[in-house]
C-alpha cells in the first residue's frame, strides 16, 4: 500500500492530506484480479495458463505483473477465465466462481449530450452514486483529466445495473482530506467532491500539469467569478476561470485562461455546462 504526503493549497492555512493509492504489491487492481482469475481457473503458474490458451507468455506476464495495461486483452482473458470483462477491469460484475461484485469502484461518467444538464441529479453529471470508498471519508480520483487546453475523458466502462447499465470511470486513487477543510475552508460537499488531474499549460502558473484539483459536483451553476470544470458539449472537460459579463442579456461569461499568452472567449452562459466548482488545489512541490 502506498501513502504519499501532499500539501493542499488554501487561501487561509495550508493543510496536509494523504493519498491512498488503491494498489497492493505495486500492481494495479486489474493485474491483481487477472492473477486471482487465473488461480481460480486452476492454473498455479502464469506460464501454464499462457501455454494452455496459446498466449505469448512475455505479454501475459507483463499484464499480470502490472507493467502493461490489460484493456485490449481483457475480453479474451475474461472468456478464458470465465469472468466478466467488467470485473477484470473495474471489479464490477461476475468474478471467479460466479461471485457477483457490488458496484463500488465506478464514478459515473459525464455525458454532455444528456438532457437537463443544469440539474445535478441528471445523467449529464459525473456522479458518485455507484462508488464507495475503500477508506472511509476518502475522495475518489478518476482517470479523467481536466484540460488546461484539451482534456482527456480516460477509460470508460459500461456495466449492467438492474435492467440497464452504468457508464463510468474506474477510480485510480483515493485521497484522504480532512472533512473540516472540505466543509469549512473549501466550502465543498464531501459527498459530491472528486479529484481530477490537470494537463496542459493554459492555466499556468496557477495550475501546473500534474497538479490535482478538487471538484465539487454539487456546485454546477455559476454563483461567483472563480474557477470551474466546464464542457462545451463537444470537447473534453476543461478547467477555466469564468467571469460574468456585467449587464449582459442573455447572460454572458468570459472564459479565461490564466496563461497571459492565450486568448479569452465570451459565450452565453446557457451554452456552457458547468461540471463543478474547483474547491481545492493539490500542487506538486
Foldseek 3Di string as FASTA:
>chain_A
DDKDWFWWDFPPDIDIWIWFFPDDPPAAPLLCLLQVLCVLQPDPDQVVVCVVVVHDSVVSVCCNRHVDPCLVVLVVSCVSSVFDSCCSVANAGQGRPRDGGQQAFWWFAAALPWPPLVDLPGSNATHNPRHDDPDPLWAFEFAWAAELPATHRPDWDWDDDVPRITIGTGGRITMGDDPCCQCPGLVADSNQKHKHFYDDDQQPPVHYGRKIFIFRQVAWADPAFAWFFKDLNPGGIHIFTWAWDPPDVVTKIKTHGNPVVDDIDIDRRVSMTTRGGGRIITDDD
